[in-house]
Amino acid sequence: MSNGIPKAESINQIAIFGSSHIDENNALFKEAFEVCEKLAEAGYVIVNGGGPGVMRAASMGAKAAACKVIGVTFQADPKMHFEGRDPFNRVDIEIKTKNYVERTLTLLKEGQVYVIFNGGTGTISEFGMAWGLAKLYFGHHKPLVLYGKFWENIIQVFKDNMILRPEELEVYKIVDSPDAVLQAILDFENELKQGQHLYVKAITDDFSI
């Protein structure tokens, strides 16, 4: 035990974030499918927002490897510009939330590692929250795996224009292949086992949803 929080010596659930506005013919959809198939084959449970696009691809990839999927959903008012529940996104466990903020926090709670693909403002907000929490809990944070070389340009813009602390640049890895995603997670698990990373902090210990 450390500060009342049990150590996590292995990773079980991976939360997936990315664009909801792509179809199965899009290269990003295929990449998300392949990443989640690879993670599922390694025994990880896939968590996503239950919507279309990258979220559906994540579920399909996991299902191709006969793995469990958790969907964290929110059925928005039709007036909202929000994709909502995708009936073609097959999940084994559905966690229904009351609003967008609760949905985001629940996704962050359920995932022990975050894999973030390309996306729009929704993905940006999820990335920002995950990155901010990782900085707050640095040393027992939930790490980010940023998928795609374009992230190097985005992070460089932050470095050039924002006031960042060194630890904020140590909580993520940028990768561009399914094998590299899996290796990043395995590396993190090894850090946990060796005590280099104390534990995976549950954000709901401090934030009520």
C-alpha atoms as a PDB file:
ATOM      1  CA  MET A   1       0.000   0.000   0.000  1.00  0.00           C
ATOM      2  CA  SER A   2       1.069   3.615  -0.650  1.00  0.00           C
ATOM      3  CA  ASN A   3      -1.004   6.498   0.726  1.00  0.00           C
ATOM      4  CA  GLY A   4      -3.884   4.049   1.028  1.00  0.00           C
ATOM      5  CA  ILE A   5      -3.770   3.136  -2.672  1.00  0.00           C
ATOM      6  CA  PRO A   6      -2.802  -0.431  -3.644  1.00  0.00           C
ATOM      7  CA  LYS A   7       0.016  -0.942  -6.093  1.00  0.00           C
ATOM      8  CA  ALA A   8      -0.930  -1.970  -9.620  1.00  0.00           C
ATOM      9  CA  GLU A   9       1.613  -4.480 -10.887  1.00  0.00           C
ATOM     10  CA  SER A  10      -0.042  -5.028 -14.239  1.00  0.00           C
ATOM     11  CA  ILE A  11      -2.197  -3.193 -16.740  1.00  0.00           C
ATOM     12  CA  ASN A  12      -5.591  -4.651 -17.636  1.00  0.00           C
ATOM     13  CA  GLN A  13      -7.694  -1.978 -19.374  1.00  0.00           C
ATOM     14  CA  ILE A  14      -6.678   0.386 -22.182  1.00  0.00           C
ATOM     15  CA  ALA A  15      -8.842   3.422 -23.007  1.00  0.00           C
ATOM     16  CA  ILE A  16      -8.982   4.484 -26.658  1.00  0.00           C
ATOM     17  CA  PHE A  17      -9.650   8.043 -27.847  1.00  0.00           C
ATOM     18  CA  GLY A  18      -9.941   9.454 -31.367  1.00  0.00           C
ATOM     19  CA  SER A  19     -12.152  10.825 -34.111  1.00  0.00           C
ATOM     20  CA  SER A  20     -15.797   9.801 -34.365  1.00  0.00           C
ATOM     21  CA  HIS A  21     -16.041  11.227 -37.896  1.00  0.00           C
ATOM     22  CA  ILE A  22     -14.336   8.509 -39.951  1.00  0.00           C
ATOM     23  CA  ASP A  23     -15.674   5.380 -41.640  1.00  0.00           C
ATOM     24  CA  GLU A  24     -14.266   1.922 -42.244  1.00  0.00           C
ATOM     25  CA  ASN A  25     -12.523   3.024 -45.442  1.00  0.00           C
ATOM     26  CA  ASN A  26     -10.404   5.581 -43.632  1.00  0.00           C
ATOM     27  CA  ALA A  27      -6.751   4.726 -42.925  1.00  0.00           C
ATOM     28  CA  LEU A  28      -7.129   5.903 -39.334  1.00  0.00           C
ATOM     29  CA  PHE A  29     -10.028   3.462 -38.805  1.00  0.00           C
ATOM     30  CA  LYS A  30      -7.864   0.608 -40.039  1.00  0.00           C
ATOM     31  CA  GLU A  31      -4.964   1.676 -37.813  1.00  0.00           C
ATOM     32  CA  ALA A  32      -7.176   1.845 -34.725  1.00  0.00           C
ATOM     33  CA  PHE A  33      -8.583  -1.597 -35.579  1.00  0.00           C
ATOM     34  CA  GLU A  34      -5.096  -3.084 -35.902  1.00  0.00           C
ATOM     35  CA  VAL A  35      -3.852  -1.475 -32.694  1.00  0.00           C
ATOM     36  CA  CYS A  36      -6.779  -2.760 -30.658  1.00  0.00           C
ATOM     37  CA  GLU A  37      -6.595  -6.201 -32.230  1.00  0.00           C
ATOM     38  CA  LYS A  38      -2.926  -6.334 -31.212  1.00  0.00           C
ATOM     39  CA  LEU A  39      -3.714  -5.181 -27.658  1.00  0.00           C
ATOM     40  CA  ALA A  40      -6.601  -7.631 -27.345  1.00  0.00           C
ATOM     41  CA  GLU A  41      -4.419 -10.503 -28.539  1.00  0.00           C
ATOM     42  CA  ALA A  42      -2.067  -9.574 -25.690  1.00  0.00           C
ATOM     43  CA  GLY A  43      -4.961  -9.902 -23.229  1.00  0.00           C
ATOM     44  CA  TYR A  44      -5.921  -6.275 -22.636  1.00  0.00           C
ATOM     45  CA  VAL A  45      -9.540  -5.136 -22.266  1.00  0.00           C
ATOM     46  CA  ILE A  46     -10.439  -2.280 -24.610  1.00  0.00           C
ATOM     47  CA  VAL A  47     -12.398   0.711 -23.291  1.00  0.00           C
ATOM     48  CA  ASN A  48     -13.982   3.320 -25.575  1.00  0.00           C
ATOM     49  CA  GLY A  49     -16.844   5.796 -25.729  1.00  0.00           C
ATOM     50  CA  GLY A  50     -19.280   3.498 -27.538  1.00  0.00           C
ATOM     51  CA  GLY A  51     -19.540   5.789 -30.539  1.00  0.00           C
ATOM     52  CA  PRO A  52     -18.581   5.556 -34.237  1.00  0.00           C
ATOM     53  CA  GLY A  53     -15.212   6.149 -35.907  1.00  0.00           C
ATOM     54  CA  VAL A  54     -12.117   5.236 -33.915  1.00  0.00           C
ATOM     55  CA  MET A  55     -14.342   3.974 -31.098  1.00  0.00           C
ATOM     56  CA  ARG A  56     -16.112   1.475 -33.330  1.00  0.00           C
ATOM     57  CA  ALA A  57     -12.784   0.468 -34.862  1.00  0.00           C
ATOM     58  CA  ALA A  58     -11.433  -0.175 -31.366  1.00  0.00           C
ATOM     59  CA  SER A  59     -14.329  -2.484 -30.532  1.00  0.00           C
ATOM     60  CA  MET A  60     -14.103  -4.303 -33.850  1.00  0.00           C
ATOM     61  CA  GLY A  61     -10.374  -4.849 -33.395  1.00  0.00           C
ATOM     62  CA  ALA A  62     -10.885  -6.215 -29.912  1.00  0.00           C
ATOM     63  CA  LYS A  63     -13.702  -8.477 -31.095  1.00  0.00           C
ATOM     64  CA  ALA A  64     -11.500  -9.824 -33.904  1.00  0.00           C
ATOM     65  CA  ALA A  65      -9.284 -11.152 -31.120  1.00  0.00           C
ATOM     66  CA  ALA A  66     -12.274 -12.358 -29.072  1.00  0.00           C
ATOM     67  CA  CYS A  67     -11.589  -9.862 -26.284  1.00  0.00           C
ATOM     68  CA  LYS A  68     -13.950  -7.993 -23.961  1.00  0.00           C
ATOM     69  CA  VAL A  69     -14.938  -4.386 -24.674  1.00  0.00           C
ATOM     70  CA  ILE A  70     -16.226  -1.783 -22.231  1.00  0.00           C
ATOM     71  CA  GLY A  71     -18.248   1.116 -23.639  1.00  0.00           C
ATOM     72  CA  VAL A  72     -18.753   4.328 -21.685  1.00  0.00           C
ATOM     73  CA  THR A  73     -21.727   6.041 -23.284  1.00  0.00           C
ATOM     74  CA  PHE A  74     -23.768   9.210 -23.094  1.00  0.00           C
ATOM     75  CA  GLN A  75     -26.923   9.716 -25.140  1.00  0.00           C
ATOM     76  CA  ALA A  76     -26.944  13.436 -25.845  1.00  0.00           C
ATOM     77  CA  ASP A  77     -29.819  15.747 -26.630  1.00  0.00           C
ATOM     78  CA  PRO A  78     -30.305  15.795 -30.451  1.00  0.00           C
ATOM     79  CA  LYS A  79     -29.480  19.524 -30.397  1.00  0.00           C
ATOM     80  CA  MET A  80     -25.927  18.739 -29.292  1.00  0.00           C
ATOM     81  CA  HIS A  81     -23.170  18.212 -31.860  1.00  0.00           C
ATOM     82  CA  PHE A  82     -22.245  14.880 -30.305  1.00  0.00           C
ATOM     83  CA  GLU A  83     -22.143  11.444 -31.924  1.00  0.00           C
ATOM     84  CA  GLY A  84     -23.797   9.527 -29.074  1.00  0.00           C
ATOM     85  CA  ARG A  85     -24.162   5.762 -28.968  1.00  0.00           C
ATOM     86  CA  ASP A  86     -23.292   3.856 -32.132  1.00  0.00           C
ATOM     87  CA  PRO A  87     -25.531   0.773 -32.545  1.00  0.00           C
ATOM     88  CA  PHE A  88     -22.797  -0.851 -34.645  1.00  0.00           C
ATOM     89  CA  ASN A  89     -20.244  -0.522 -31.846  1.00  0.00           C
ATOM     90  CA  ARG A  90     -20.587  -3.854 -30.016  1.00  0.00           C
ATOM     91  CA  VAL A  91     -19.551  -3.744 -26.378  1.00  0.00           C
ATOM     92  CA  ASP A  92     -19.782  -6.372 -23.655  1.00  0.00           C
ATOM     93  CA  ILE A  93     -20.272  -3.970 -20.763  1.00  0.00           C
ATOM     94  CA  GLU A  94     -21.961  -0.596 -21.220  1.00  0.00           C
ATOM     95  CA  ILE A  95     -21.490   2.095 -18.593  1.00  0.00           C
ATOM     96  CA  LYS A  96     -24.153   4.751 -19.159  1.00  0.00           C
ATOM     97  CA  THR A  97     -23.324   8.264 -17.990  1.00  0.00           C
ATOM     98  CA  LYS A  98     -25.473  11.349 -17.483  1.00  0.00           C
ATOM     99  CA  ASN A  99     -23.489  13.983 -19.366  1.00  0.00           C
ATOM    100  CA  TYR A 100     -20.367  14.632 -21.429  1.00  0.00           C
ATOM    101  CA  VAL A 101     -18.158  15.517 -18.479  1.00  0.00           C
ATOM    102  CA  GLU A 102     -19.137  12.375 -16.555  1.00  0.00           C
ATOM    103  CA  ARG A 103     -18.479  10.307 -19.675  1.00  0.00           C
ATOM    104  CA  THR A 104     -14.989  11.759 -20.062  1.00  0.00           C
ATOM    105  CA  LEU A 105     -14.106  11.243 -16.407  1.00  0.00           C
ATOM    106  CA  THR A 106     -15.439   7.682 -16.486  1.00  0.00           C
ATOM    107  CA  LEU A 107     -13.330   6.873 -19.549  1.00  0.00           C
ATOM    108  CA  LEU A 108     -10.300   8.266 -17.738  1.00  0.00           C
ATOM    109  CA  LYS A 109     -11.190   6.215 -14.667  1.00  0.00           C
ATOM    110  CA  GLU A 110     -11.707   2.922 -16.515  1.00  0.00           C
ATOM    111  CA  GLY A 111      -8.528   3.107 -18.583  1.00  0.00           C
ATOM    112  CA  GLN A 112      -5.147   2.436 -16.964  1.00  0.00           C
ATOM    113  CA  VAL A 113      -3.302   3.608 -20.066  1.00  0.00           C
ATOM    114  CA  TYR A 114      -4.661   6.001 -22.699  1.00  0.00           C
ATOM    115  CA  VAL A 115      -4.056   5.494 -26.429  1.00  0.00           C
ATOM    116  CA  ILE A 116      -4.951   8.686 -28.281  1.00  0.00           C
ATOM    117  CA  PHE A 117      -5.433   8.780 -32.051  1.00  0.00           C
ATOM    118  CA  ASN A 118      -6.091  11.728 -34.331  1.00  0.00           C
ATOM    119  CA  GLY A 119      -9.384  13.508 -33.781  1.00  0.00           C
ATOM    120  CA  GLY A 120     -11.180  16.811 -33.354  1.00  0.00           C
ATOM    121  CA  THR A 121     -12.114  19.016 -30.430  1.00  0.00           C
ATOM    122  CA  GLY A 122     -13.550  16.101 -28.447  1.00  0.00           C
ATOM    123  CA  THR A 123     -10.276  14.221 -28.707  1.00  0.00           C
ATOM    124  CA  ILE A 124      -8.370  17.409 -27.873  1.00  0.00           C
ATOM    125  CA  SER A 125     -10.401  17.836 -24.676  1.00  0.00           C
ATOM    126  CA  GLU A 126      -9.810  14.209 -23.677  1.00  0.00           C
ATOM    127  CA  PHE A 127      -6.089  14.514 -24.425  1.00  0.00           C
ATOM    128  CA  GLY A 128      -5.879  17.725 -22.421  1.00  0.00           C
ATOM    129  CA  MET A 129      -7.602  16.224 -19.387  1.00  0.00           C
ATOM    130  CA  ALA A 130      -5.485  13.055 -19.526  1.00  0.00           C
ATOM    131  CA  TRP A 131      -2.273  15.056 -19.916  1.00  0.00           C
ATOM    132  CA  GLY A 132      -3.177  17.429 -17.106  1.00  0.00           C
ATOM    133  CA  LEU A 133      -4.003  14.599 -14.706  1.00  0.00           C
ATOM    134  CA  ALA A 134      -0.769  12.808 -15.599  1.00  0.00           C
ATOM    135  CA  LYS A 135       1.156  15.945 -14.643  1.00  0.00           C
ATOM    136  CA  LEU A 136      -0.805  16.349 -11.389  1.00  0.00           C
ATOM    137  CA  TYR A 137      -0.128  12.751 -10.354  1.00  0.00           C
ATOM    138  CA  PHE A 138       3.327  12.459 -11.902  1.00  0.00           C
ATOM    139  CA  GLY A 139       5.062   9.336 -10.635  1.00  0.00           C
ATOM    140  CA  HIS A 140       1.824   7.465 -10.117  1.00  0.00           C
ATOM    141  CA  HIS A 141       0.063   8.766 -13.213  1.00  0.00           C
ATOM    142  CA  LYS A 142      -1.726   6.957 -16.018  1.00  0.00           C
ATOM    143  CA  PRO A 143       0.517   7.254 -19.094  1.00  0.00           C
ATOM    144  CA  LEU A 144      -0.453   8.432 -22.563  1.00  0.00           C
ATOM    145  CA  VAL A 145       0.424   6.678 -25.817  1.00  0.00           C
ATOM    146  CA  LEU A 146       0.036   9.174 -28.666  1.00  0.00           C
ATOM    147  CA  TYR A 147      -0.500   7.408 -31.973  1.00  0.00           C
ATOM    148  CA  GLY A 148       0.947   9.008 -35.093  1.00  0.00           C
ATOM    149  CA  LYS A 149       4.031  11.044 -35.953  1.00  0.00           C
ATOM    150  CA  PHE A 150       1.867  14.190 -36.280  1.00  0.00           C
ATOM    151  CA  TRP A 151       1.904  14.327 -32.475  1.00  0.00           C
ATOM    152  CA  GLU A 152       5.571  15.352 -32.639  1.00  0.00           C
ATOM    153  CA  ASN A 153       4.553  18.575 -34.408  1.00  0.00           C
ATOM    154  CA  ILE A 154       1.748  19.223 -31.923  1.00  0.00           C
ATOM    155  CA  ILE A 155       3.956  18.699 -28.884  1.00  0.00           C
ATOM    156  CA  GLN A 156       6.662  20.893 -30.442  1.00  0.00           C
ATOM    157  CA  VAL A 157       4.155  23.737 -30.776  1.00  0.00           C
ATOM    158  CA  PHE A 158       3.325  23.361 -27.075  1.00  0.00           C
ATOM    159  CA  LYS A 159       7.038  23.391 -26.221  1.00  0.00           C
ATOM    160  CA  ASP A 160       7.606  26.526 -28.311  1.00  0.00           C
ATOM    161  CA  ASN A 161       4.619  28.490 -27.060  1.00  0.00           C
ATOM    162  CA  MET A 162       3.532  27.229 -23.626  1.00  0.00           C
ATOM    163  CA  ILE A 163       5.127  27.149 -20.179  1.00  0.00           C
ATOM    164  CA  LEU A 164       5.687  23.444 -19.513  1.00  0.00           C
ATOM    165  CA  ARG A 165       7.376  21.684 -16.637  1.00  0.00           C
ATOM    166  CA  PRO A 166       9.857  18.855 -17.410  1.00  0.00           C
ATOM    167  CA  GLU A 167       7.583  16.146 -15.982  1.00  0.00           C
ATOM    168  CA  GLU A 168       4.830  17.100 -18.414  1.00  0.00           C
ATOM    169  CA  LEU A 169       7.052  15.838 -21.223  1.00  0.00           C
ATOM    170  CA  GLU A 170       7.722  12.506 -19.502  1.00  0.00           C
ATOM    171  CA  VAL A 171       4.177  11.131 -19.214  1.00  0.00           C
ATOM    172  CA  TYR A 172       3.621  10.185 -22.860  1.00  0.00           C
ATOM    173  CA  LYS A 173       5.205   8.230 -25.691  1.00  0.00           C
ATOM    174  CA  ILE A 174       4.686   8.927 -29.398  1.00  0.00           C
ATOM    175  CA  VAL A 175       4.409   5.800 -31.550  1.00  0.00           C
ATOM    176  CA  ASP A 176       3.272   4.949 -35.073  1.00  0.00           C
ATOM    177  CA  SER A 177       2.627   1.213 -35.248  1.00  0.00           C
ATOM    178  CA  PRO A 178       0.541  -1.407 -33.406  1.00  0.00           C
ATOM    179  CA  ASP A 179       3.714  -3.169 -32.262  1.00  0.00           C
ATOM    180  CA  ALA A 180       5.067   0.092 -30.830  1.00  0.00           C
ATOM    181  CA  VAL A 181       1.813   0.698 -28.904  1.00  0.00           C
ATOM    182  CA  LEU A 182       2.037  -2.734 -27.321  1.00  0.00           C
ATOM    183  CA  GLN A 183       5.717  -2.279 -26.513  1.00  0.00           C
ATOM    184  CA  ALA A 184       5.059   1.092 -24.842  1.00  0.00           C
ATOM    185  CA  ILE A 185       2.476  -0.533 -22.579  1.00  0.00           C
ATOM    186  CA  LEU A 186       4.728  -3.503 -21.810  1.00  0.00           C
ATOM    187  CA  ASP A 187       7.525  -1.073 -20.938  1.00  0.00           C
ATOM    188  CA  PHE A 188       5.215   0.724 -18.536  1.00  0.00           C
ATOM    189  CA  GLU A 189       4.173  -2.557 -16.927  1.00  0.00           C
ATOM    190  CA  ASN A 190       7.841  -3.346 -16.422  1.00  0.00           C
ATOM    191  CA  GLU A 191       8.323   0.031 -14.703  1.00  0.00           C
ATOM    192  CA  LEU A 192       5.478  -0.843 -12.330  1.00  0.00           C
ATOM    193  CA  LYS A 193       6.962  -4.233 -11.488  1.00  0.00           C
ATOM    194  CA  GLN A 194      10.402  -2.745 -10.862  1.00  0.00           C
ATOM    195  CA  GLY A 195       8.984  -0.009  -8.646  1.00  0.00           C
ATOM    196  CA  GLN A 196      10.062   2.797 -10.980  1.00  0.00           C
ATOM    197  CA  HIS A 197       6.407   3.823 -11.159  1.00  0.00           C
ATOM    198  CA  LEU A 198       4.630   3.665  -7.796  1.00  0.00           C
ATOM    199  CA  TYR A 199       1.071   2.842  -8.814  1.00  0.00           C
ATOM    200  CA  VAL A 200      -1.703   3.857 -11.174  1.00  0.00           C
ATOM    201  CA  LYS A 201      -3.732   6.589  -9.552  1.00  0.00           C
ATOM    202  CA  ALA A 202      -7.534   6.373  -9.801  1.00  0.00           C
ATOM    203  CA  ILE A 203      -8.724   9.895 -10.584  1.00  0.00           C
ATOM    204  CA  THR A 204     -12.039   9.328  -8.846  1.00  0.00           C
ATOM    205  CA  ASP A 205     -10.214   9.179  -5.530  1.00  0.00           C
ATOM    206  CA  ASP A 206     -10.196  12.966  -5.807  1.00  0.00           C
ATOM    207  CA  PHE A 207     -12.886  13.858  -8.339  1.00  0.00           C
ATOM    208  CA  SER A 208     -16.548  13.119  -7.734  1.00  0.00           C
ATOM    209  CA  ILE A 209     -18.622  12.055 -10.730  1.00  0.00           C
END
